N, C-alpha and C. Protein backbone atom coordinates (compact mmCIF):
# COMPACT_ATOMS: atom_id res chain seq x y z
N GLN A 1 0.84 -1.20 0.00
CA GLN A 1 0.00 0.00 0.00
C GLN A 1 0.88 1.24 0.00
N LYS A 2 0.34 2.27 -0.63
CA LYS A 2 1.11 3.51 -0.78
C LYS A 2 1.09 4.30 0.53
N LEU A 3 2.25 4.75 0.92
CA LEU A 3 2.39 5.53 2.14
C LEU A 3 1.83 6.93 1.93
N ARG A 4 0.99 7.38 2.85
CA ARG A 4 0.41 8.72 2.74
C ARG A 4 1.33 9.70 3.47
N VAL A 5 1.76 10.71 2.74
CA VAL A 5 2.68 11.70 3.30
C VAL A 5 2.05 13.08 3.15
N TRP A 6 2.18 13.89 4.18
CA TRP A 6 1.64 15.24 4.13
C TRP A 6 2.65 16.19 4.73
N GLU A 7 2.37 17.47 4.57
CA GLU A 7 3.27 18.47 5.13
C GLU A 7 3.09 18.53 6.64
N ALA A 8 4.16 18.27 7.36
CA ALA A 8 4.10 18.28 8.83
C ALA A 8 4.28 19.71 9.33
N THR A 9 3.53 20.04 10.36
CA THR A 9 3.63 21.40 10.90
C THR A 9 4.39 21.44 12.21
N ASN A 10 4.72 20.25 12.75
CA ASN A 10 5.47 20.23 14.01
C ASN A 10 6.41 19.02 14.04
N ALA A 11 7.33 19.05 14.99
CA ALA A 11 8.36 18.01 15.08
C ALA A 11 7.76 16.63 15.34
N TYR A 12 6.69 16.58 16.13
CA TYR A 12 6.08 15.29 16.44
C TYR A 12 5.53 14.64 15.17
N ASP A 13 4.71 15.38 14.41
CA ASP A 13 4.14 14.83 13.17
C ASP A 13 5.23 14.46 12.18
N PHE A 14 6.23 15.32 12.07
CA PHE A 14 7.33 15.05 11.14
C PHE A 14 8.03 13.75 11.54
N GLY A 15 8.26 13.58 12.83
CA GLY A 15 8.90 12.37 13.34
C GLY A 15 8.09 11.12 13.02
N GLN A 16 6.75 11.23 13.16
CA GLN A 16 5.88 10.09 12.85
C GLN A 16 5.98 9.72 11.37
N ILE A 17 5.95 10.73 10.51
CA ILE A 17 6.03 10.48 9.06
C ILE A 17 7.38 9.87 8.72
N ILE A 18 8.45 10.44 9.28
CA ILE A 18 9.80 9.94 9.00
C ILE A 18 9.94 8.48 9.44
N SER A 19 9.37 8.16 10.60
CA SER A 19 9.43 6.76 11.08
C SER A 19 8.76 5.82 10.10
N ALA A 20 7.59 6.21 9.60
CA ALA A 20 6.86 5.38 8.65
C ALA A 20 7.63 5.25 7.34
N VAL A 21 8.17 6.37 6.86
CA VAL A 21 8.94 6.38 5.61
C VAL A 21 10.18 5.50 5.76
N ASN A 22 10.84 5.62 6.88
CA ASN A 22 12.06 4.86 7.13
C ASN A 22 11.77 3.36 7.25
N ALA A 23 10.70 3.04 7.96
CA ALA A 23 10.33 1.63 8.15
C ALA A 23 10.02 0.97 6.81
N SER A 24 9.37 1.70 5.93
CA SER A 24 8.99 1.13 4.63
C SER A 24 10.08 1.33 3.57
N GLN A 25 11.08 2.16 3.91
CA GLN A 25 12.14 2.52 2.95
C GLN A 25 11.55 3.05 1.65
N ASP A 26 10.46 3.80 1.78
CA ASP A 26 9.75 4.35 0.61
C ASP A 26 10.39 5.69 0.22
N LYS A 27 11.33 5.61 -0.72
CA LYS A 27 12.08 6.81 -1.11
C LYS A 27 11.23 7.79 -1.89
N ALA A 28 10.24 7.29 -2.63
CA ALA A 28 9.33 8.19 -3.36
C ALA A 28 8.51 9.01 -2.36
N ALA A 29 8.02 8.35 -1.31
CA ALA A 29 7.25 9.05 -0.27
C ALA A 29 8.14 10.05 0.46
N CYS A 30 9.38 9.66 0.72
CA CYS A 30 10.32 10.55 1.39
C CYS A 30 10.59 11.77 0.51
N ALA A 31 10.76 11.54 -0.79
CA ALA A 31 10.99 12.65 -1.72
C ALA A 31 9.79 13.59 -1.73
N HIS A 32 8.58 13.01 -1.68
CA HIS A 32 7.37 13.84 -1.63
C HIS A 32 7.36 14.67 -0.36
N LEU A 33 7.71 14.04 0.76
CA LEU A 33 7.77 14.76 2.04
C LEU A 33 8.75 15.93 1.95
N LEU A 34 9.92 15.69 1.37
CA LEU A 34 10.92 16.75 1.25
C LEU A 34 10.47 17.84 0.28
N THR A 35 9.68 17.46 -0.71
CA THR A 35 9.18 18.43 -1.69
C THR A 35 8.15 19.37 -1.06
N VAL A 36 7.32 18.83 -0.15
CA VAL A 36 6.29 19.67 0.49
C VAL A 36 6.77 20.35 1.77
N THR A 37 8.00 20.05 2.18
CA THR A 37 8.56 20.65 3.41
C THR A 37 9.50 21.78 3.05
N ASP A 38 9.28 22.92 3.64
CA ASP A 38 10.18 24.06 3.44
C ASP A 38 11.54 23.70 4.04
N PRO A 39 12.61 23.71 3.21
CA PRO A 39 13.94 23.32 3.70
C PRO A 39 14.35 24.06 4.98
N GLU A 40 13.98 25.33 5.09
CA GLU A 40 14.37 26.13 6.26
C GLU A 40 13.80 25.57 7.56
N THR A 41 12.70 24.83 7.45
CA THR A 41 12.06 24.30 8.67
C THR A 41 12.65 22.95 9.10
N LEU A 42 13.49 22.35 8.25
CA LEU A 42 14.05 21.02 8.57
C LEU A 42 14.70 20.93 9.95
N PRO A 43 15.61 21.84 10.31
CA PRO A 43 16.25 21.71 11.63
C PRO A 43 15.25 21.69 12.78
N VAL A 44 14.19 22.49 12.67
CA VAL A 44 13.17 22.55 13.73
C VAL A 44 12.33 21.27 13.71
N LEU A 45 11.92 20.84 12.51
CA LEU A 45 11.09 19.64 12.40
C LEU A 45 11.83 18.37 12.81
N LEU A 46 13.12 18.31 12.51
CA LEU A 46 13.90 17.14 12.91
C LEU A 46 14.17 17.14 14.41
N SER A 47 14.15 18.33 15.01
CA SER A 47 14.44 18.48 16.43
C SER A 47 15.77 17.78 16.73
N ASN A 48 15.80 16.89 17.70
CA ASN A 48 17.06 16.19 18.02
C ASN A 48 16.99 14.74 17.55
N LYS A 49 16.18 14.49 16.51
CA LYS A 49 15.89 13.11 16.09
C LYS A 49 16.69 12.66 14.87
N LEU A 50 17.65 13.46 14.41
CA LEU A 50 18.41 13.06 13.23
C LEU A 50 19.25 11.82 13.54
N GLU A 51 19.12 10.81 12.70
CA GLU A 51 19.88 9.56 12.81
C GLU A 51 20.53 9.28 11.46
N GLY A 52 21.50 8.39 11.45
CA GLY A 52 22.18 8.04 10.21
C GLY A 52 21.24 7.51 9.14
N GLU A 53 20.31 6.64 9.56
CA GLU A 53 19.40 6.06 8.56
C GLU A 53 18.45 7.11 7.99
N ILE A 54 18.11 8.10 8.78
CA ILE A 54 17.25 9.19 8.28
C ILE A 54 18.04 10.06 7.31
N LEU A 55 19.26 10.40 7.68
CA LEU A 55 20.11 11.18 6.79
C LEU A 55 20.25 10.45 5.45
N LEU A 56 20.48 9.14 5.51
CA LEU A 56 20.67 8.37 4.27
C LEU A 56 19.43 8.29 3.40
N ILE A 57 18.26 8.08 4.00
CA ILE A 57 17.06 8.02 3.16
C ILE A 57 16.76 9.39 2.56
N PHE A 58 17.09 10.46 3.29
CA PHE A 58 16.96 11.81 2.72
C PHE A 58 17.88 11.96 1.51
N ILE A 59 19.14 11.58 1.68
CA ILE A 59 20.13 11.70 0.61
C ILE A 59 19.70 10.89 -0.61
N GLN A 60 19.30 9.62 -0.38
CA GLN A 60 18.89 8.75 -1.48
C GLN A 60 17.65 9.28 -2.18
N SER A 61 16.70 9.79 -1.42
CA SER A 61 15.46 10.32 -2.00
C SER A 61 15.74 11.58 -2.81
N LEU A 62 16.60 12.45 -2.26
CA LEU A 62 16.97 13.67 -2.98
C LEU A 62 17.67 13.30 -4.29
N GLU A 63 18.57 12.32 -4.22
CA GLU A 63 19.32 11.93 -5.42
C GLU A 63 18.40 11.30 -6.46
N GLN A 64 17.55 10.37 -6.04
CA GLN A 64 16.74 9.61 -6.99
C GLN A 64 15.54 10.37 -7.53
N TYR A 65 14.94 11.24 -6.71
CA TYR A 65 13.67 11.84 -7.12
C TYR A 65 13.65 13.36 -7.22
N VAL A 66 14.52 14.04 -6.49
CA VAL A 66 14.39 15.50 -6.41
C VAL A 66 15.44 16.23 -7.25
N ALA A 67 16.70 15.83 -7.13
CA ALA A 67 17.81 16.58 -7.74
C ALA A 67 17.64 16.77 -9.26
N GLY A 68 17.14 15.74 -9.94
CA GLY A 68 16.96 15.83 -11.39
C GLY A 68 15.89 16.83 -11.80
N LYS A 69 14.87 16.98 -10.96
CA LYS A 69 13.76 17.90 -11.26
C LYS A 69 14.02 19.30 -10.73
N ASP A 70 14.59 19.36 -9.52
CA ASP A 70 14.79 20.65 -8.86
C ASP A 70 16.07 20.62 -8.03
N ALA A 71 17.18 20.86 -8.71
CA ALA A 71 18.50 20.83 -8.06
C ALA A 71 18.57 21.86 -6.93
N GLY A 72 17.95 23.00 -7.13
CA GLY A 72 17.96 24.05 -6.11
C GLY A 72 17.32 23.59 -4.82
N LEU A 73 16.20 22.89 -4.93
CA LEU A 73 15.51 22.38 -3.75
C LEU A 73 16.38 21.34 -3.04
N ALA A 74 17.00 20.46 -3.81
CA ALA A 74 17.89 19.44 -3.24
C ALA A 74 19.04 20.12 -2.48
N TYR A 75 19.62 21.15 -3.09
CA TYR A 75 20.71 21.90 -2.44
C TYR A 75 20.22 22.52 -1.13
N GLN A 76 19.05 23.16 -1.17
CA GLN A 76 18.51 23.82 0.03
C GLN A 76 18.32 22.80 1.17
N HIS A 77 17.81 21.62 0.81
CA HIS A 77 17.63 20.59 1.84
C HIS A 77 18.97 20.15 2.42
N LEU A 78 19.97 19.96 1.57
CA LEU A 78 21.31 19.60 2.07
C LEU A 78 21.85 20.68 3.00
N PHE A 79 21.66 21.93 2.59
CA PHE A 79 22.15 23.06 3.37
C PHE A 79 21.51 23.07 4.75
N TYR A 80 20.18 23.00 4.81
CA TYR A 80 19.50 23.09 6.10
C TYR A 80 19.61 21.82 6.93
N LEU A 81 19.78 20.68 6.25
CA LEU A 81 20.04 19.43 6.96
C LEU A 81 21.33 19.55 7.78
N SER A 82 22.30 20.27 7.22
CA SER A 82 23.58 20.42 7.92
C SER A 82 23.46 21.32 9.15
N LYS A 83 22.34 22.01 9.29
CA LYS A 83 22.10 22.88 10.46
C LYS A 83 21.34 22.14 11.56
N ALA A 84 20.92 20.91 11.27
CA ALA A 84 20.12 20.16 12.24
C ALA A 84 20.97 19.72 13.43
N GLU A 85 20.31 19.63 14.56
CA GLU A 85 20.94 19.11 15.77
C GLU A 85 21.42 17.69 15.48
N ARG A 86 22.53 17.32 16.00
CA ARG A 86 23.12 15.98 15.84
C ARG A 86 23.75 15.74 14.46
N PHE A 87 23.74 16.73 13.57
CA PHE A 87 24.27 16.52 12.22
C PHE A 87 25.73 16.05 12.25
N LYS A 88 26.57 16.74 13.03
CA LYS A 88 27.99 16.39 13.08
C LYS A 88 28.21 14.98 13.62
N VAL A 89 27.43 14.61 14.62
CA VAL A 89 27.53 13.27 15.21
C VAL A 89 27.16 12.22 14.17
N VAL A 90 26.02 12.42 13.51
CA VAL A 90 25.54 11.48 12.51
C VAL A 90 26.55 11.36 11.37
N LEU A 91 27.07 12.50 10.94
CA LEU A 91 28.05 12.52 9.85
C LEU A 91 29.29 11.70 10.22
N ALA A 92 29.73 11.86 11.44
CA ALA A 92 30.94 11.16 11.89
C ALA A 92 30.75 9.64 11.90
N LEU A 93 29.51 9.19 12.02
CA LEU A 93 29.23 7.76 12.11
C LEU A 93 28.93 7.10 10.76
N LEU A 94 28.91 7.90 9.68
CA LEU A 94 28.64 7.31 8.36
C LEU A 94 29.82 6.44 7.92
N SER A 95 29.48 5.34 7.27
CA SER A 95 30.51 4.45 6.73
C SER A 95 31.08 5.05 5.45
N LYS A 96 32.14 4.45 4.95
CA LYS A 96 32.75 4.90 3.70
C LYS A 96 31.73 4.83 2.55
N ASN A 97 30.98 3.73 2.46
CA ASN A 97 29.97 3.57 1.41
C ASN A 97 28.86 4.61 1.52
N GLU A 98 28.45 4.90 2.75
CA GLU A 98 27.40 5.90 2.96
C GLU A 98 27.90 7.29 2.55
N LYS A 99 29.16 7.58 2.88
CA LYS A 99 29.74 8.87 2.46
C LYS A 99 29.78 8.97 0.94
N GLU A 100 30.04 7.84 0.27
CA GLU A 100 30.06 7.83 -1.19
C GLU A 100 28.68 8.16 -1.76
N GLU A 101 27.62 7.73 -1.07
CA GLU A 101 26.26 8.07 -1.52
C GLU A 101 26.04 9.57 -1.43
N VAL A 102 26.53 10.17 -0.36
CA VAL A 102 26.41 11.62 -0.20
C VAL A 102 27.20 12.31 -1.32
N GLN A 103 28.39 11.81 -1.60
CA GLN A 103 29.23 12.36 -2.68
C GLN A 103 28.51 12.29 -4.03
N GLN A 104 27.81 11.19 -4.28
CA GLN A 104 27.08 11.04 -5.55
C GLN A 104 26.03 12.14 -5.73
N LEU A 105 25.35 12.47 -4.63
CA LEU A 105 24.35 13.54 -4.71
C LEU A 105 25.04 14.88 -5.01
N PHE A 106 26.15 15.14 -4.37
CA PHE A 106 26.90 16.38 -4.66
C PHE A 106 27.37 16.40 -6.11
N ASP A 107 27.82 15.25 -6.62
CA ASP A 107 28.26 15.17 -8.02
C ASP A 107 27.10 15.51 -8.96
N LEU A 108 25.94 14.96 -8.65
CA LEU A 108 24.74 15.22 -9.46
C LEU A 108 24.41 16.71 -9.44
N LEU A 109 24.49 17.32 -8.27
CA LEU A 109 24.18 18.75 -8.14
C LEU A 109 25.21 19.61 -8.86
N SER A 110 26.46 19.16 -8.90
CA SER A 110 27.48 19.97 -9.58
C SER A 110 27.31 19.91 -11.10
N GLU A 111 26.64 18.86 -11.58
CA GLU A 111 26.36 18.76 -13.03
C GLU A 111 25.10 19.53 -13.40
N SER A 112 24.28 19.86 -12.42
CA SER A 112 23.02 20.55 -12.67
C SER A 112 23.22 22.06 -12.55
N GLN A 113 22.33 22.78 -13.16
CA GLN A 113 22.35 24.24 -13.08
C GLN A 113 21.19 24.70 -12.21
N SER A 114 21.44 25.66 -11.36
CA SER A 114 20.36 26.24 -10.56
C SER A 114 20.76 27.64 -10.15
N ASP A 115 19.77 28.52 -10.10
CA ASP A 115 20.07 29.88 -9.63
C ASP A 115 20.06 29.92 -8.10
N GLN A 116 19.79 28.78 -7.48
CA GLN A 116 19.75 28.71 -6.01
C GLN A 116 21.15 28.55 -5.41
N TYR A 117 22.11 28.12 -6.20
CA TYR A 117 23.46 27.92 -5.68
C TYR A 117 24.49 28.03 -6.79
N SER A 118 25.70 28.41 -6.40
CA SER A 118 26.82 28.45 -7.34
C SER A 118 27.70 27.24 -7.05
N LEU A 119 28.66 26.99 -7.92
CA LEU A 119 29.60 25.88 -7.67
C LEU A 119 30.41 26.14 -6.40
N GLU A 120 30.67 27.42 -6.10
CA GLU A 120 31.38 27.77 -4.87
C GLU A 120 30.54 27.41 -3.65
N ASP A 121 29.23 27.71 -3.73
CA ASP A 121 28.33 27.33 -2.63
C ASP A 121 28.38 25.83 -2.41
N LEU A 122 28.34 25.10 -3.51
CA LEU A 122 28.35 23.63 -3.45
C LEU A 122 29.65 23.12 -2.84
N GLU A 123 30.75 23.72 -3.25
CA GLU A 123 32.06 23.32 -2.71
C GLU A 123 32.14 23.58 -1.21
N SER A 124 31.64 24.73 -0.76
CA SER A 124 31.72 25.01 0.68
C SER A 124 30.78 24.09 1.46
N LEU A 125 29.63 23.73 0.88
CA LEU A 125 28.73 22.79 1.56
C LEU A 125 29.34 21.39 1.61
N LYS A 126 30.09 21.02 0.57
CA LYS A 126 30.78 19.72 0.58
C LYS A 126 31.74 19.63 1.76
N LYS A 127 32.40 20.74 2.06
CA LYS A 127 33.32 20.76 3.21
C LYS A 127 32.56 20.53 4.52
N VAL A 128 31.35 21.10 4.62
CA VAL A 128 30.52 20.90 5.81
C VAL A 128 30.18 19.41 5.95
N TYR A 129 29.98 18.74 4.81
CA TYR A 129 29.68 17.32 4.80
C TYR A 129 30.96 16.46 4.84
N GLU A 130 32.08 17.15 5.01
CA GLU A 130 33.41 16.50 5.14
C GLU A 130 33.73 15.60 3.95
N LEU A 131 33.45 16.13 2.75
CA LEU A 131 33.75 15.37 1.51
C LEU A 131 34.96 15.96 0.82
C-alpha cells in the first residue's frame, strides 16, 4: 500500500512520518515529504531526532527523485540538513559507502544548473559534509 505523506507542521508529526517512511524505505514518499517541506524548517522539524538512517534516506530520495527535477531544492535541503541538531555526530558515524552516496548527490548537483546555488556554494557545503 502507498504511504500517505503530508506536510508536517510540528516536530512530532514530522517524526511520525519519517518513522513510517524509514520503516517502509519508501524513497518516493520521502521525496514527496521533502518536496512539500520548506527546507528552512528542517532543523526545527527534525528536532534532536536526526539519525544516520534518516540522513541516508533523505540523501537517497533527494538523489533519486528530487535533484533531477529541482536541483535548487535538493541543495537547500542539504544546506538546512547540515544545520540540524546531531548533524555532526551522525556525519561522523557514516561508513565509507554511505559517504560515497552523499558524494554522488553532490556530483549530481554539480552537473546541474540552478540559480539557487553556485559551484562555490556547493564546494563550501561539501566541506561541511566533510567530503
